[in-house]
Amino acid sequence: AKNTIYLQMNSLKADDTGVYYCAAVLGFFTDEARYLRNQD
């Protein structure tokens, strides 16, 4: 309804530091391994 995706981050650690990007791909993957691959 708000056309928004959220990432709730709890118990943050120093190793979580960085630039966070959101990315989109039209449709979905049948190979679940592709969901966390930036090149896809």
Full PDB file with SEQRES, HELIX, SHEET, SSBOND, CRYST1, ORIGX, SCALE, CONECT and MASTER records, all heavy atoms in Angstrom:
SEQRES   1 A   40  ALA LYS ASN THR ILE TYR LEU GLN MET ASN SER LEU LYS          
SEQRES   2 A   40  ALA ASP ASP THR GLY VAL TYR TYR CYS ALA ALA VAL LEU          
SEQRES   3 A   40  GLY PHE PHE THR ASP GLU ALA ARG TYR LEU ARG ASN GLN          
SEQRES   4 A   40  ASP                                                          
HELIX    1 AA1 ALA A   14  ASP A   16  5                                   3    
HELIX    2 AA2 GLU A   32  LEU A   36  5                                   5    
CRYST1    1.000    1.000    1.000  90.00  90.00  90.00 P 1           1          
ORIGX1      1.000000  0.000000  0.000000        0.00000                         
ORIGX2      0.000000  1.000000  0.000000        0.00000                         
ORIGX3      0.000000  0.000000  1.000000        0.00000                         
SCALE1      1.000000  0.000000  0.000000        0.00000                         
SCALE2      0.000000  1.000000  0.000000        0.00000                         
SCALE3      0.000000  0.000000  1.000000        0.00000                         
ATOM      1  N   ALA A   1       0.832  -1.209   0.000  1.00  0.00           N  
ATOM      2  CA  ALA A   1       0.000   0.000   0.000  1.00  0.00           C  
ATOM      3  C   ALA A   1       0.865   1.257   0.000  1.00  0.00           C  
ATOM      4  O   ALA A   1       0.496   2.281  -0.583  1.00  0.00           O  
ATOM      5  CB  ALA A   1      -0.925  -0.009   1.206  1.00  0.00           C  
ATOM      6  N   LYS A   2       2.031   1.171   0.653  1.00  0.00           N  
ATOM      7  CA  LYS A   2       2.939   2.320   0.699  1.00  0.00           C  
ATOM      8  C   LYS A   2       4.047   2.211  -0.350  1.00  0.00           C  
ATOM      9  O   LYS A   2       4.907   3.095  -0.424  1.00  0.00           O  
ATOM     10  CB  LYS A   2       3.552   2.441   2.085  1.00  0.00           C  
ATOM     11  CG  LYS A   2       2.538   2.767   3.176  1.00  0.00           C  
ATOM     12  CD  LYS A   2       3.217   2.959   4.518  1.00  0.00           C  
ATOM     13  CE  LYS A   2       2.194   3.347   5.586  1.00  0.00           C  
ATOM     14  NZ  LYS A   2       2.819   3.546   6.921  1.00  0.00           N  
ATOM     15  N   ASN A   3       4.026   1.106  -1.105  1.00  0.00           N  
ATOM     16  CA  ASN A   3       5.042   0.913  -2.143  1.00  0.00           C  
ATOM     17  C   ASN A   3       6.455   0.995  -1.565  1.00  0.00           C  
ATOM     18  O   ASN A   3       7.350   1.624  -2.156  1.00  0.00           O  
ATOM     19  CB  ASN A   3       4.861   1.949  -3.259  1.00  0.00           C  
ATOM     20  CG  ASN A   3       5.405   1.490  -4.591  1.00  0.00           C  
ATOM     21  OD1 ASN A   3       5.323   0.304  -4.932  1.00  0.00           O  
ATOM     22  ND2 ASN A   3       5.945   2.416  -5.359  1.00  0.00           N  
ATOM     23  N   THR A   4       6.632   0.362  -0.423  1.00  0.00           N  
ATOM     24  CA  THR A   4       7.888   0.471   0.314  1.00  0.00           C  
ATOM     25  C   THR A   4       8.305  -0.893   0.859  1.00  0.00           C  
ATOM     26  O   THR A   4       7.464  -1.689   1.269  1.00  0.00           O  
ATOM     27  CB  THR A   4       7.737   1.470   1.482  1.00  0.00           C  
ATOM     28  OG1 THR A   4       7.349   2.756   0.963  1.00  0.00           O  
ATOM     29  CG2 THR A   4       9.046   1.623   2.250  1.00  0.00           C  
ATOM     30  N   ILE A   5       9.618  -1.126   0.825  1.00  0.00           N  
ATOM     31  CA  ILE A   5      10.198  -2.326   1.419  1.00  0.00           C  
ATOM     32  C   ILE A   5      11.070  -1.880   2.589  1.00  0.00           C  
ATOM     33  O   ILE A   5      11.813  -0.904   2.484  1.00  0.00           O  
ATOM     34  CB  ILE A   5      11.040  -3.107   0.388  1.00  0.00           C  
ATOM     35  CG1 ILE A   5      10.136  -3.740  -0.663  1.00  0.00           C  
ATOM     36  CG2 ILE A   5      11.854  -4.189   1.077  1.00  0.00           C  
ATOM     37  CD1 ILE A   5       9.674  -2.812  -1.759  1.00  0.00           C  
ATOM     38  N   TYR A   6      10.953  -2.599   3.699  1.00  0.00           N  
ATOM     39  CA  TYR A   6      11.674  -2.238   4.907  1.00  0.00           C  
ATOM     40  C   TYR A   6      12.707  -3.304   5.263  1.00  0.00           C  
ATOM     41  O   TYR A   6      12.530  -4.480   4.962  1.00  0.00           O  
ATOM     42  CB  TYR A   6      10.704  -2.092   6.083  1.00  0.00           C  
ATOM     43  CG  TYR A   6       9.619  -1.071   5.857  1.00  0.00           C  
ATOM     44  CD1 TYR A   6       8.336  -1.451   5.476  1.00  0.00           C  
ATOM     45  CD2 TYR A   6       9.890   0.290   6.031  1.00  0.00           C  
ATOM     46  CE1 TYR A   6       7.338  -0.507   5.276  1.00  0.00           C  
ATOM     47  CE2 TYR A   6       8.901   1.236   5.827  1.00  0.00           C  
ATOM     48  CZ  TYR A   6       7.635   0.837   5.449  1.00  0.00           C  
ATOM     49  OH  TYR A   6       6.654   1.767   5.245  1.00  0.00           O  
ATOM     50  N   LEU A   7      13.751  -2.854   5.941  1.00  0.00           N  
ATOM     51  CA  LEU A   7      14.706  -3.762   6.554  1.00  0.00           C  
ATOM     52  C   LEU A   7      14.863  -3.334   8.003  1.00  0.00           C  
ATOM     53  O   LEU A   7      15.473  -2.302   8.285  1.00  0.00           O  
ATOM     54  CB  LEU A   7      16.061  -3.736   5.841  1.00  0.00           C  
ATOM     55  CG  LEU A   7      17.070  -4.747   6.367  1.00  0.00           C  
ATOM     56  CD1 LEU A   7      16.624  -6.177   6.044  1.00  0.00           C  
ATOM     57  CD2 LEU A   7      18.465  -4.492   5.797  1.00  0.00           C  
ATOM     58  N   GLN A   8      14.253  -4.095   8.902  1.00  0.00           N  
ATOM     59  CA  GLN A   8      14.377  -3.840  10.329  1.00  0.00           C  
ATOM     60  C   GLN A   8      15.637  -4.522  10.833  1.00  0.00           C  
ATOM     61  O   GLN A   8      15.787  -5.735  10.684  1.00  0.00           O  
ATOM     62  CB  GLN A   8      13.148  -4.373  11.083  1.00  0.00           C  
ATOM     63  CG  GLN A   8      13.220  -4.197  12.585  1.00  0.00           C  
ATOM     64  CD  GLN A   8      13.169  -2.740  13.010  1.00  0.00           C  
ATOM     65  OE1 GLN A   8      12.379  -1.961  12.486  1.00  0.00           O  
ATOM     66  NE2 GLN A   8      14.017  -2.376  13.966  1.00  0.00           N  
ATOM     67  N   MET A   9      16.527  -3.731  11.406  1.00  0.00           N  
ATOM     68  CA  MET A   9      17.819  -4.250  11.850  1.00  0.00           C  
ATOM     69  C   MET A   9      17.921  -4.089  13.355  1.00  0.00           C  
ATOM     70  O   MET A   9      17.910  -2.957  13.868  1.00  0.00           O  
ATOM     71  CB  MET A   9      18.954  -3.494  11.157  1.00  0.00           C  
ATOM     72  CG  MET A   9      18.841  -3.500   9.631  1.00  0.00           C  
ATOM     73  SD  MET A   9      20.277  -2.792   8.808  1.00  0.00           S  
ATOM     74  CE  MET A   9      20.214  -1.112   9.377  1.00  0.00           C  
ATOM     75  N   ASN A  10      18.005  -5.193  14.047  1.00  0.00           N  
ATOM     76  CA  ASN A  10      18.111  -5.199  15.501  1.00  0.00           C  
ATOM     77  C   ASN A  10      19.453  -5.790  15.937  1.00  0.00           C  
ATOM     78  O   ASN A  10      20.131  -6.439  15.144  1.00  0.00           O  
ATOM     79  CB  ASN A  10      16.971  -6.014  16.112  1.00  0.00           C  
ATOM     80  CG  ASN A  10      15.598  -5.453  15.795  1.00  0.00           C  
ATOM     81  OD1 ASN A  10      15.423  -4.237  15.641  1.00  0.00           O  
ATOM     82  ND2 ASN A  10      14.616  -6.327  15.691  1.00  0.00           N  
ATOM     83  N   SER A  11      19.793  -5.560  17.181  1.00  0.00           N  
ATOM     84  CA  SER A  11      21.037  -6.096  17.748  1.00  0.00           C  
ATOM     85  C   SER A  11      22.224  -5.815  16.844  1.00  0.00           C  
ATOM     86  O   SER A  11      23.027  -6.702  16.540  1.00  0.00           O  
ATOM     87  CB  SER A  11      20.905  -7.608  17.991  1.00  0.00           C  
ATOM     88  OG  SER A  11      19.810  -7.898  18.830  1.00  0.00           O  
ATOM     89  N   LEU A  12      22.331  -4.585  16.430  1.00  0.00           N  
ATOM     90  CA  LEU A  12      23.370  -4.217  15.467  1.00  0.00           C  
ATOM     91  C   LEU A  12      24.763  -4.355  16.053  1.00  0.00           C  
ATOM     92  O   LEU A  12      24.993  -4.106  17.249  1.00  0.00           O  
ATOM     93  CB  LEU A  12      23.134  -2.799  14.964  1.00  0.00           C  
ATOM     94  CG  LEU A  12      22.003  -2.686  13.929  1.00  0.00           C  
ATOM     95  CD1 LEU A  12      21.519  -1.262  13.802  1.00  0.00           C  
ATOM     96  CD2 LEU A  12      22.468  -3.221  12.583  1.00  0.00           C  
ATOM     97  N   LYS A  13      25.674  -4.746  15.183  1.00  0.00           N  
ATOM     98  CA  LYS A  13      27.073  -4.943  15.558  1.00  0.00           C  
ATOM     99  C   LYS A  13      27.955  -4.034  14.707  1.00  0.00           C  
ATOM    100  O   LYS A  13      27.539  -3.571  13.648  1.00  0.00           O  
ATOM    101  CB  LYS A  13      27.475  -6.398  15.309  1.00  0.00           C  
ATOM    102  CG  LYS A  13      26.572  -7.437  15.935  1.00  0.00           C  
ATOM    103  CD  LYS A  13      26.987  -8.834  15.489  1.00  0.00           C  
ATOM    104  CE  LYS A  13      26.075  -9.892  16.055  1.00  0.00           C  
ATOM    105  NZ  LYS A  13      26.466 -11.257  15.591  1.00  0.00           N  
ATOM    106  N   ALA A  14      29.174  -3.846  15.136  1.00  0.00           N  
ATOM    107  CA  ALA A  14      30.107  -3.026  14.365  1.00  0.00           C  
ATOM    108  C   ALA A  14      30.302  -3.587  12.957  1.00  0.00           C  
ATOM    109  O   ALA A  14      30.470  -2.829  11.993  1.00  0.00           O  
ATOM    110  CB  ALA A  14      31.450  -2.952  15.094  1.00  0.00           C  
ATOM    111  N   ASP A  15      30.251  -4.895  12.824  1.00  0.00           N  
ATOM    112  CA  ASP A  15      30.426  -5.525  11.508  1.00  0.00           C  
ATOM    113  C   ASP A  15      29.275  -5.226  10.551  1.00  0.00           C  
ATOM    114  O   ASP A  15      29.383  -5.511   9.351  1.00  0.00           O  
ATOM    115  CB  ASP A  15      30.553  -7.042  11.662  1.00  0.00           C  
ATOM    116  CG  ASP A  15      31.894  -7.448  12.220  1.00  0.00           C  
ATOM    117  OD1 ASP A  15      32.800  -6.589  12.259  1.00  0.00           O  
ATOM    118  OD2 ASP A  15      32.045  -8.615  12.623  1.00  0.00           O  
ATOM    119  N   ASP A  16      28.186  -4.693  11.057  1.00  0.00           N  
ATOM    120  CA  ASP A  16      27.055  -4.322  10.182  1.00  0.00           C  
ATOM    121  C   ASP A  16      27.278  -2.970   9.509  1.00  0.00           C  
ATOM    122  O   ASP A  16      26.464  -2.559   8.674  1.00  0.00           O  
ATOM    123  CB  ASP A  16      25.752  -4.292  10.986  1.00  0.00           C  
ATOM    124  CG  ASP A  16      25.356  -5.651  11.522  1.00  0.00           C  
ATOM    125  OD1 ASP A  16      25.490  -6.645  10.786  1.00  0.00           O  
ATOM    126  OD2 ASP A  16      24.916  -5.716  12.696  1.00  0.00           O  
ATOM    127  N   THR A  17      28.326  -2.290   9.866  1.00  0.00           N  
ATOM    128  CA  THR A  17      28.621  -0.979   9.283  1.00  0.00           C  
ATOM    129  C   THR A  17      28.869  -1.089   7.790  1.00  0.00           C  
ATOM    130  O   THR A  17      29.568  -1.991   7.332  1.00  0.00           O  
ATOM    131  CB  THR A  17      29.842  -0.362   9.970  1.00  0.00           C  
ATOM    132  OG1 THR A  17      29.525  -0.098  11.337  1.00  0.00           O  
ATOM    133  CG2 THR A  17      30.271   0.932   9.294  1.00  0.00           C  
ATOM    134  N   GLY A  18      28.286  -0.150   7.046  1.00  0.00           N  
ATOM    135  CA  GLY A  18      28.502  -0.114   5.611  1.00  0.00           C  
ATOM    136  C   GLY A  18      27.440   0.711   4.919  1.00  0.00           C  
ATOM    137  O   GLY A  18      26.544   1.264   5.575  1.00  0.00           O  
ATOM    138  N   VAL A  19      27.541   0.777   3.613  1.00  0.00           N  
ATOM    139  CA  VAL A  19      26.500   1.418   2.806  1.00  0.00           C  
ATOM    140  C   VAL A  19      25.504   0.338   2.405  1.00  0.00           C  
ATOM    141  O   VAL A  19      25.887  -0.694   1.860  1.00  0.00           O  
ATOM    142  CB  VAL A  19      27.083   2.096   1.563  1.00  0.00           C  
ATOM    143  CG1 VAL A  19      25.969   2.731   0.735  1.00  0.00           C  
ATOM    144  CG2 VAL A  19      28.117   3.147   1.962  1.00  0.00           C  
ATOM    145  N   TYR A  20      24.250   0.610   2.695  1.00  0.00           N  
ATOM    146  CA  TYR A  20      23.189  -0.343   2.394  1.00  0.00           C  
ATOM    147  C   TYR A  20      22.427   0.107   1.149  1.00  0.00           C  
ATOM    148  O   TYR A  20      22.004   1.262   1.054  1.00  0.00           O  
ATOM    149  CB  TYR A  20      22.237  -0.468   3.585  1.00  0.00           C  
ATOM    150  CG  TYR A  20      22.798  -1.325   4.693  1.00  0.00           C  
ATOM    151  CD1 TYR A  20      23.884  -0.881   5.445  1.00  0.00           C  
ATOM    152  CD2 TYR A  20      22.264  -2.574   4.975  1.00  0.00           C  
ATOM    153  CE1 TYR A  20      24.424  -1.671   6.447  1.00  0.00           C  
ATOM    154  CE2 TYR A  20      22.792  -3.373   5.981  1.00  0.00           C  
ATOM    155  CZ  TYR A  20      23.863  -2.911   6.707  1.00  0.00           C  
ATOM    156  OH  TYR A  20      24.402  -3.704   7.709  1.00  0.00           O  
ATOM    157  N   TYR A  21      22.273  -0.820   0.225  1.00  0.00           N  
ATOM    158  CA  TYR A  21      21.593  -0.560  -1.038  1.00  0.00           C  
ATOM    159  C   TYR A  21      20.363  -1.453  -1.159  1.00  0.00           C  
ATOM    160  O   TYR A  21      20.407  -2.623  -0.778  1.00  0.00           O  
ATOM    161  CB  TYR A  21      22.506  -0.874  -2.218  1.00  0.00           C  
ATOM    162  CG  TYR A  21      23.793  -0.116  -2.259  1.00  0.00           C  
ATOM    163  CD1 TYR A  21      24.935  -0.586  -1.621  1.00  0.00           C  
ATOM    164  CD2 TYR A  21      23.896   1.084  -2.969  1.00  0.00           C  
ATOM    165  CE1 TYR A  21      26.127   0.112  -1.665  1.00  0.00           C  
ATOM    166  CE2 TYR A  21      25.089   1.782  -3.023  1.00  0.00           C  
ATOM    167  CZ  TYR A  21      26.192   1.292  -2.374  1.00  0.00           C  
ATOM    168  OH  TYR A  21      27.382   1.976  -2.428  1.00  0.00           O  
ATOM    169  N   CYS A  22      19.306  -0.903  -1.706  1.00  0.00           N  
ATOM    170  CA  CYS A  22      18.225  -1.784  -2.123  1.00  0.00           C  
ATOM    171  C   CYS A  22      18.309  -1.938  -3.635  1.00  0.00           C  
ATOM    172  O   CYS A  22      18.804  -1.045  -4.348  1.00  0.00           O  
ATOM    173  CB  CYS A  22      16.855  -1.291  -1.679  1.00  0.00           C  
ATOM    174  SG  CYS A  22      16.229   0.184  -2.484  1.00  0.00           S  
ATOM    175  N   ALA A  23      17.848  -3.078  -4.108  1.00  0.00           N  
ATOM    176  CA  ALA A  23      17.912  -3.397  -5.522  1.00  0.00           C  
ATOM    177  C   ALA A  23      16.652  -4.153  -5.912  1.00  0.00           C  
ATOM    178  O   ALA A  23      16.013  -4.791  -5.064  1.00  0.00           O  
ATOM    179  CB  ALA A  23      19.147  -4.242  -5.818  1.00  0.00           C  
ATOM    180  N   ALA A  24      16.334  -4.091  -7.190  1.00  0.00           N  
ATOM    181  CA  ALA A  24      15.097  -4.698  -7.676  1.00  0.00           C  
ATOM    182  C   ALA A  24      15.337  -5.494  -8.938  1.00  0.00           C  
ATOM    183  O   ALA A  24      16.212  -5.157  -9.754  1.00  0.00           O  
ATOM    184  CB  ALA A  24      14.043  -3.609  -7.933  1.00  0.00           C  
ATOM    185  N   VAL A  25      14.546  -6.534  -9.086  1.00  0.00           N  
ATOM    186  CA  VAL A  25      14.536  -7.316 -10.315  1.00  0.00           C  
ATOM    187  C   VAL A  25      13.083  -7.662 -10.610  1.00  0.00           C  
ATOM    188  O   VAL A  25      12.317  -7.987  -9.703  1.00  0.00           O  
ATOM    189  CB  VAL A  25      15.417  -8.575 -10.187  1.00  0.00           C  
ATOM    190  CG1 VAL A  25      14.934  -9.490  -9.085  1.00  0.00           C  
ATOM    191  CG2 VAL A  25      15.479  -9.318 -11.511  1.00  0.00           C  
ATOM    192  N   LEU A  26      12.718  -7.565 -11.865  1.00  0.00           N  
ATOM    193  CA  LEU A  26      11.340  -7.851 -12.255  1.00  0.00           C  
ATOM    194  C   LEU A  26      11.089  -9.347 -12.159  1.00  0.00           C  
ATOM    195  O   LEU A  26      11.851 -10.144 -12.712  1.00  0.00           O  
ATOM    196  CB  LEU A  26      11.106  -7.351 -13.687  1.00  0.00           C  
ATOM    197  CG  LEU A  26       9.673  -7.424 -14.210  1.00  0.00           C  
ATOM    198  CD1 LEU A  26       8.762  -6.521 -13.385  1.00  0.00           C  
ATOM    199  CD2 LEU A  26       9.628  -7.027 -15.678  1.00  0.00           C  
ATOM    200  N   GLY A  27      10.034  -9.717 -11.451  1.00  0.00           N  
ATOM    201  CA  GLY A  27       9.705 -11.123 -11.317  1.00  0.00           C  
ATOM    202  C   GLY A  27      10.401 -11.772 -10.137  1.00  0.00           C  
ATOM    203  O   GLY A  27      10.709 -11.115  -9.139  1.00  0.00           O  
ATOM    204  N   PHE A  28      10.664 -13.067 -10.276  1.00  0.00           N  
ATOM    205  CA  PHE A  28      11.265 -13.820  -9.169  1.00  0.00           C  
ATOM    206  C   PHE A  28      12.209 -14.872  -9.722  1.00  0.00           C  
ATOM    207  O   PHE A  28      12.234 -15.150 -10.920  1.00  0.00           O  
ATOM    208  CB  PHE A  28      10.165 -14.476  -8.320  1.00  0.00           C  
ATOM    209  CG  PHE A  28       9.342 -15.504  -9.049  1.00  0.00           C  
ATOM    210  CD1 PHE A  28       9.638 -16.850  -8.952  1.00  0.00           C  
ATOM    211  CD2 PHE A  28       8.269 -15.120  -9.841  1.00  0.00           C  
ATOM    212  CE1 PHE A  28       8.880 -17.796  -9.633  1.00  0.00           C  
ATOM    213  CE2 PHE A  28       7.509 -16.052 -10.527  1.00  0.00           C  
ATOM    214  CZ  PHE A  28       7.818 -17.394 -10.424  1.00  0.00           C  
ATOM    215  N   PHE A  29      12.995 -15.453  -8.825  1.00  0.00           N  
ATOM    216  CA  PHE A  29      13.951 -16.485  -9.195  1.00  0.00           C  
ATOM    217  C   PHE A  29      13.430 -17.859  -8.797  1.00  0.00           C  
ATOM    218  O   PHE A  29      12.904 -18.043  -7.709  1.00  0.00           O  
ATOM    219  CB  PHE A  29      15.290 -16.247  -8.478  1.00  0.00           C  
ATOM    220  CG  PHE A  29      15.903 -14.906  -8.743  1.00  0.00           C  
ATOM    221  CD1 PHE A  29      16.100 -13.994  -7.716  1.00  0.00           C  
ATOM    222  CD2 PHE A  29      16.296 -14.546 -10.029  1.00  0.00           C  
ATOM    223  CE1 PHE A  29      16.682 -12.757  -7.954  1.00  0.00           C  
ATOM    224  CE2 PHE A  29      16.879 -13.311 -10.274  1.00  0.00           C  
ATOM    225  CZ  PHE A  29      17.066 -12.413  -9.235  1.00  0.00           C  
ATOM    226  N   THR A  30      13.621 -18.831  -9.661  1.00  0.00           N  
ATOM    227  CA  THR A  30      13.313 -20.207  -9.284  1.00  0.00           C  
ATOM    228  C   THR A  30      14.485 -20.832  -8.525  1.00  0.00           C  
ATOM    229  O   THR A  30      14.293 -21.762  -7.742  1.00  0.00           O  
ATOM    230  CB  THR A  30      12.985 -21.040 -10.526  1.00  0.00           C  
ATOM    231  OG1 THR A  30      14.079 -20.928 -11.458  1.00  0.00           O  
ATOM    232  CG2 THR A  30      11.712 -20.523 -11.190  1.00  0.00           C  
ATOM    233  N   ASP A  31      15.666 -20.314  -8.747  1.00  0.00           N  
ATOM    234  CA  ASP A  31      16.856 -20.739  -8.014  1.00  0.00           C  
ATOM    235  C   ASP A  31      17.014 -19.806  -6.816  1.00  0.00           C  
ATOM    236  O   ASP A  31      17.388 -18.647  -6.961  1.00  0.00           O  
ATOM    237  CB  ASP A  31      18.087 -20.659  -8.918  1.00  0.00           C  
ATOM    238  CG  ASP A  31      19.360 -21.059  -8.192  1.00  0.00           C  
ATOM    239  OD1 ASP A  31      19.297 -21.415  -6.991  1.00  0.00           O  
ATOM    240  OD2 ASP A  31      20.427 -21.014  -8.820  1.00  0.00           O  
ATOM    241  N   GLU A  32      16.750 -20.315  -5.636  1.00  0.00           N  
ATOM    242  CA  GLU A  32      16.757 -19.456  -4.444  1.00  0.00           C  
ATOM    243  C   GLU A  32      18.115 -18.830  -4.172  1.00  0.00           C  
ATOM    244  O   GLU A  32      18.205 -17.780  -3.545  1.00  0.00           O  
ATOM    245  CB  GLU A  32      16.301 -20.258  -3.224  1.00  0.00           C  
ATOM    246  CG  GLU A  32      14.838 -20.663  -3.272  1.00  0.00           C  
ATOM    247  CD  GLU A  32      14.369 -21.326  -1.989  1.00  0.00           C  
ATOM    248  OE1 GLU A  32      15.227 -21.660  -1.142  1.00  0.00           O  
ATOM    249  OE2 GLU A  32      13.147 -21.505  -1.830  1.00  0.00           O  
ATOM    250  N   ALA A  33      19.159 -19.439  -4.648  1.00  0.00           N  
ATOM    251  CA  ALA A  33      20.507 -18.900  -4.412  1.00  0.00           C  
ATOM    252  C   ALA A  33      20.708 -17.540  -5.062  1.00  0.00           C  
ATOM    253  O   ALA A  33      21.567 -16.761  -4.659  1.00  0.00           O  
ATOM    254  CB  ALA A  33      21.555 -19.879  -4.928  1.00  0.00           C  
ATOM    255  N   ARG A  34      19.886 -17.236  -6.066  1.00  0.00           N  
ATOM    256  CA  ARG A  34      20.056 -15.972  -6.780  1.00  0.00           C  
ATOM    257  C   ARG A  34      19.513 -14.783  -5.994  1.00  0.00           C  
ATOM    258  O   ARG A  34      19.849 -13.646  -6.312  1.00  0.00           O  
ATOM    259  CB  ARG A  34      19.367 -16.069  -8.138  1.00  0.00           C  
ATOM    260  CG  ARG A  34      19.981 -17.126  -9.040  1.00  0.00           C  
ATOM    261  CD  ARG A  34      19.267 -17.207 -10.365  1.00  0.00           C  
ATOM    262  NE  ARG A  34      19.479 -16.012 -11.167  1.00  0.00           N  
ATOM    263  CZ  ARG A  34      18.916 -15.806 -12.358  1.00  0.00           C  
ATOM    264  NH1 ARG A  34      18.104 -16.718 -12.858  1.00  0.00           N  
ATOM    265  NH2 ARG A  34      19.160 -14.698 -13.027  1.00  0.00           N  
ATOM    266  N   TYR A  35      18.716 -15.017  -4.983  1.00  0.00           N  
ATOM    267  CA  TYR A  35      18.089 -13.900  -4.271  1.00  0.00           C  
ATOM    268  C   TYR A  35      19.096 -13.023  -3.541  1.00  0.00           C  
ATOM    269  O   TYR A  35      18.821 -11.855  -3.280  1.00  0.00           O  
ATOM    270  CB  TYR A  35      17.039 -14.411  -3.290  1.00  0.00           C  
ATOM    271  CG  TYR A  35      15.710 -14.667  -3.941  1.00  0.00           C  
ATOM    272  CD1 TYR A  35      15.303 -15.957  -4.280  1.00  0.00           C  
ATOM    273  CD2 TYR A  35      14.854 -13.609  -4.247  1.00  0.00           C  
ATOM    274  CE1 TYR A  35      14.085 -16.176  -4.905  1.00  0.00           C  
ATOM    275  CE2 TYR A  35      13.639 -13.825  -4.867  1.00  0.00           C  
ATOM    276  CZ  TYR A  35      13.255 -15.113  -5.194  1.00  0.00           C  
ATOM    277  OH  TYR A  35      12.057 -15.330  -5.811  1.00  0.00           O  
ATOM    278  N   LEU A  36      20.251 -13.556  -3.209  1.00  0.00           N  
ATOM    279  CA  LEU A  36      21.255 -12.754  -2.494  1.00  0.00           C  
ATOM    280  C   LEU A  36      22.491 -12.492  -3.338  1.00  0.00           C  
ATOM    281  O   LEU A  36      23.537 -12.120  -2.803  1.00  0.00           O  
ATOM    282  CB  LEU A  36      21.639 -13.456  -1.185  1.00  0.00           C  
ATOM    283  CG  LEU A  36      20.530 -13.538  -0.132  1.00  0.00           C  
ATOM    284  CD1 LEU A  36      21.039 -14.260   1.120  1.00  0.00           C  
ATOM    285  CD2 LEU A  36      20.011 -12.151   0.235  1.00  0.00           C  
ATOM    286  N   ARG A  37      22.360 -12.648  -4.648  1.00  0.00           N  
ATOM    287  CA  ARG A  37      23.485 -12.377  -5.557  1.00  0.00           C  
ATOM    288  C   ARG A  37      23.281 -11.034  -6.226  1.00  0.00           C  
ATOM    289  O   ARG A  37      22.325 -10.849  -6.980  1.00  0.00           O  
ATOM    290  CB  ARG A  37      23.600 -13.483  -6.605  1.00  0.00           C  
ATOM    291  CG  ARG A  37      24.043 -14.797  -6.002  1.00  0.00           C  
ATOM    292  CD  ARG A  37      24.461 -15.848  -7.014  1.00  0.00           C  
ATOM    293  NE  ARG A  37      23.916 -15.724  -8.332  1.00  0.00           N  
ATOM    294  CZ  ARG A  37      23.889 -16.735  -9.200  1.00  0.00           C  
ATOM    295  NH1 ARG A  37      24.349 -17.922  -8.838  1.00  0.00           N  
ATOM    296  NH2 ARG A  37      23.407 -16.568 -10.408  1.00  0.00           N  
ATOM    297  N   ASN A  38      24.186 -10.102  -5.992  1.00  0.00           N  
ATOM    298  CA  ASN A  38      23.950  -8.746  -6.498  1.00  0.00           C  
ATOM    299  C   ASN A  38      23.927  -8.700  -8.020  1.00  0.00           C  
ATOM    300  O   ASN A  38      23.259  -7.844  -8.602  1.00  0.00           O  
ATOM    301  CB  ASN A  38      24.947  -7.759  -5.906  1.00  0.00           C  
ATOM    302  CG  ASN A  38      26.395  -8.138  -6.159  1.00  0.00           C  
ATOM    303  OD1 ASN A  38      26.750  -8.634  -7.218  1.00  0.00           O  
ATOM    304  ND2 ASN A  38      27.239  -7.910  -5.180  1.00  0.00           N  
ATOM    305  N   GLN A  39      24.640  -9.590  -8.685  1.00  0.00           N  
ATOM    306  CA  GLN A  39      24.683  -9.540 -10.148  1.00  0.00           C  
ATOM    307  C   GLN A  39      23.345  -9.902 -10.792  1.00  0.00           C  
ATOM    308  O   GLN A  39      23.170  -9.709 -11.998  1.00  0.00           O  
ATOM    309  CB  GLN A  39      25.792 -10.433 -10.703  1.00  0.00           C  
ATOM    310  CG  GLN A  39      25.653 -11.901 -10.374  1.00  0.00           C  
ATOM    311  CD  GLN A  39      26.469 -12.301  -9.159  1.00  0.00           C  
ATOM    312  OE1 GLN A  39      26.526 -11.566  -8.169  1.00  0.00           O  
ATOM    313  NE2 GLN A  39      27.112 -13.450  -9.227  1.00  0.00           N  
ATOM    314  N   ASP A  40      22.414 -10.421 -10.017  1.00  0.00           N  
ATOM    315  CA  ASP A  40      21.125 -10.826 -10.563  1.00  0.00           C  
ATOM    316  C   ASP A  40      20.052  -9.742 -10.450  1.00  0.00           C  
ATOM    317  O   ASP A  40      18.903  -9.982 -10.833  1.00  0.00           O  
ATOM    318  CB  ASP A  40      20.644 -12.103  -9.873  1.00  0.00           C  
ATOM    319  CG  ASP A  40      21.444 -13.313 -10.332  1.00  0.00           C  
ATOM    320  OD1 ASP A  40      21.719 -13.423 -11.543  1.00  0.00           O  
ATOM    321  OD2 ASP A  40      21.813 -14.144  -9.470  1.00  0.00           O  
TER     322      ASP A  40                                                      
MASTER        0    0    0    2    0    0    0    6  321    1    0    4          
END                                                                             
